[in-house]
């Protein structure tokens, strides 16, 4: 969905097809999605500024309490977060 809607104005870090991105990027995705140690460094390295995730997921819960991110959409299934200006 995101690729169709925002490309080429914005690049998508990874989507629901992690098998298309190779092992290294898939490992980074899993690190971020699980909000495992180092998740923030991965998002910084890839300059991720917007995150769309399933509501209630580990990353959604982490971003909800992080002052560096703000909720811009809070639906019944998904949440959209945007990095606050530095």
C-alpha atoms as a PDB file:
ATOM      1  CA  UNK A   1       0.000   0.000   0.000  1.00  0.00           C
ATOM      2  CA  UNK A   2       2.666   2.508   1.020  1.00  0.00           C
ATOM      3  CA  UNK A   3       4.815   1.822  -2.021  1.00  0.00           C
ATOM      4  CA  UNK A   4       1.821   2.542  -4.251  1.00  0.00           C
ATOM      5  CA  UNK A   5       0.803   5.677  -2.383  1.00  0.00           C
ATOM      6  CA  UNK A   6       4.036   7.496  -1.573  1.00  0.00           C
ATOM      7  CA  UNK A   7       6.773   6.254  -3.909  1.00  0.00           C
ATOM      8  CA  UNK A   8       8.805   7.982  -5.372  1.00  0.00           C
ATOM      9  CA  UNK A   9       8.223  11.051  -3.155  1.00  0.00           C
ATOM     10  CA  UNK A  10       9.307   8.965  -0.167  1.00  0.00           C
ATOM     11  CA  UNK A  11      11.109   5.672   0.154  1.00  0.00           C
ATOM     12  CA  UNK A  12       9.768   2.782   2.204  1.00  0.00           C
ATOM     13  CA  UNK A  13      12.292   1.228   4.606  1.00  0.00           C
ATOM     14  CA  UNK A  14      10.576  -2.158   4.596  1.00  0.00           C
ATOM     15  CA  UNK A  15       7.056  -3.440   4.154  1.00  0.00           C
ATOM     16  CA  UNK A  16       5.154  -6.659   4.796  1.00  0.00           C
ATOM     17  CA  UNK A  17       7.396  -8.606   2.408  1.00  0.00           C
ATOM     18  CA  UNK A  18      10.645  -8.947   4.373  1.00  0.00           C
ATOM     19  CA  UNK A  19      11.775 -11.826   2.146  1.00  0.00           C
ATOM     20  CA  UNK A  20      12.241  -9.261  -0.659  1.00  0.00           C
ATOM     21  CA  UNK A  21      14.880  -7.285   1.240  1.00  0.00           C
ATOM     22  CA  UNK A  22      17.609  -9.761   2.168  1.00  0.00           C
ATOM     23  CA  UNK A  23      18.744 -11.190   5.480  1.00  0.00           C
ATOM     24  CA  UNK A  24      20.536  -8.142   6.882  1.00  0.00           C
ATOM     25  CA  UNK A  25      17.654  -5.732   6.376  1.00  0.00           C
ATOM     26  CA  UNK A  26      15.169  -8.359   7.551  1.00  0.00           C
ATOM     27  CA  UNK A  27      17.165  -8.778  10.768  1.00  0.00           C
ATOM     28  CA  UNK A  28      17.134  -5.009  11.273  1.00  0.00           C
ATOM     29  CA  UNK A  29      13.393  -4.940  10.627  1.00  0.00           C
ATOM     30  CA  UNK A  30      12.804  -7.645  13.234  1.00  0.00           C
ATOM     31  CA  UNK A  31      14.986  -5.742  15.710  1.00  0.00           C
ATOM     32  CA  UNK A  32      12.911  -2.589  15.199  1.00  0.00           C
ATOM     33  CA  UNK A  33       9.530  -4.340  15.069  1.00  0.00           C
ATOM     34  CA  UNK A  34      10.255  -6.086  18.350  1.00  0.00           C
ATOM     35  CA  UNK A  35      11.611  -2.866  19.901  1.00  0.00           C
ATOM     36  CA  UNK A  36      14.745  -4.841  20.775  1.00  0.00           C
ATOM     37  CA  UNK A  37      17.908  -3.076  21.947  1.00  0.00           C
ATOM     38  CA  UNK A  38      19.373  -0.981  19.157  1.00  0.00           C
ATOM     39  CA  UNK A  39      16.044  -0.352  17.414  1.00  0.00           C
ATOM     40  CA  UNK A  40      16.508   3.411  17.572  1.00  0.00           C
ATOM     41  CA  UNK A  41      19.959   3.221  15.929  1.00  0.00           C
ATOM     42  CA  UNK A  42      18.468   1.269  13.008  1.00  0.00           C
ATOM     43  CA  UNK A  43      15.807   3.928  12.427  1.00  0.00           C
ATOM     44  CA  UNK A  44      18.434   6.665  12.717  1.00  0.00           C
ATOM     45  CA  UNK A  45      20.801   4.922  10.277  1.00  0.00           C
ATOM     46  CA  UNK A  46      18.049   4.609   7.671  1.00  0.00           C
ATOM     47  CA  UNK A  47      16.664   8.107   8.409  1.00  0.00           C
ATOM     48  CA  UNK A  48      13.189   6.727   9.136  1.00  0.00           C
ATOM     49  CA  UNK A  49      10.867   9.586  10.003  1.00  0.00           C
ATOM     50  CA  UNK A  50       7.439   7.953   9.768  1.00  0.00           C
ATOM     51  CA  UNK A  51       6.425   4.555  11.152  1.00  0.00           C
ATOM     52  CA  UNK A  52       3.180   2.720  10.409  1.00  0.00           C
ATOM     53  CA  UNK A  53       2.669  -0.276  12.724  1.00  0.00           C
ATOM     54  CA  UNK A  54      -0.001  -2.562  14.080  1.00  0.00           C
ATOM     55  CA  UNK A  55      -1.631  -1.048  17.146  1.00  0.00           C
ATOM     56  CA  UNK A  56      -0.461  -2.694  20.359  1.00  0.00           C
ATOM     57  CA  UNK A  57       2.697  -4.098  18.780  1.00  0.00           C
ATOM     58  CA  UNK A  58       5.948  -3.826  20.765  1.00  0.00           C
ATOM     59  CA  UNK A  59       7.126  -0.962  18.547  1.00  0.00           C
ATOM     60  CA  UNK A  60       3.802   0.886  18.821  1.00  0.00           C
ATOM     61  CA  UNK A  61       3.908   0.656  22.607  1.00  0.00           C
ATOM     62  CA  UNK A  62       7.520   1.843  22.663  1.00  0.00           C
ATOM     63  CA  UNK A  63       6.937   4.770  20.318  1.00  0.00           C
ATOM     64  CA  UNK A  64       3.809   5.806  22.236  1.00  0.00           C
ATOM     65  CA  UNK A  65       5.952   6.507  25.288  1.00  0.00           C
ATOM     66  CA  UNK A  66       8.906   8.041  23.450  1.00  0.00           C
ATOM     67  CA  UNK A  67       9.059  11.859  23.351  1.00  0.00           C
ATOM     68  CA  UNK A  68      11.050  11.669  20.094  1.00  0.00           C
ATOM     69  CA  UNK A  69       7.928  10.361  18.332  1.00  0.00           C
ATOM     70  CA  UNK A  70       4.369  11.636  18.140  1.00  0.00           C
ATOM     71  CA  UNK A  71       1.215   9.784  17.191  1.00  0.00           C
ATOM     72  CA  UNK A  72      -0.336  11.274  14.061  1.00  0.00           C
ATOM     73  CA  UNK A  73      -2.954   8.572  13.520  1.00  0.00           C
ATOM     74  CA  UNK A  74      -4.437   6.136  16.023  1.00  0.00           C
ATOM     75  CA  UNK A  75      -6.867   3.726  14.422  1.00  0.00           C
ATOM     76  CA  UNK A  76      -8.397   0.472  15.530  1.00  0.00           C
ATOM     77  CA  UNK A  77      -5.793  -1.629  13.683  1.00  0.00           C
ATOM     78  CA  UNK A  78      -2.784   0.592  13.050  1.00  0.00           C
ATOM     79  CA  UNK A  79      -0.926   3.579  14.408  1.00  0.00           C
ATOM     80  CA  UNK A  80       1.142   6.108  12.513  1.00  0.00           C
ATOM     81  CA  UNK A  81       4.037   7.844  14.245  1.00  0.00           C
ATOM     82  CA  UNK A  82       6.167  10.724  13.083  1.00  0.00           C
ATOM     83  CA  UNK A  83       9.561  11.661  14.439  1.00  0.00           C
ATOM     84  CA  UNK A  84       9.416  14.995  16.227  1.00  0.00           C
ATOM     85  CA  UNK A  85      11.764  17.702  14.941  1.00  0.00           C
ATOM     86  CA  UNK A  86      15.200  17.545  16.532  1.00  0.00           C
END
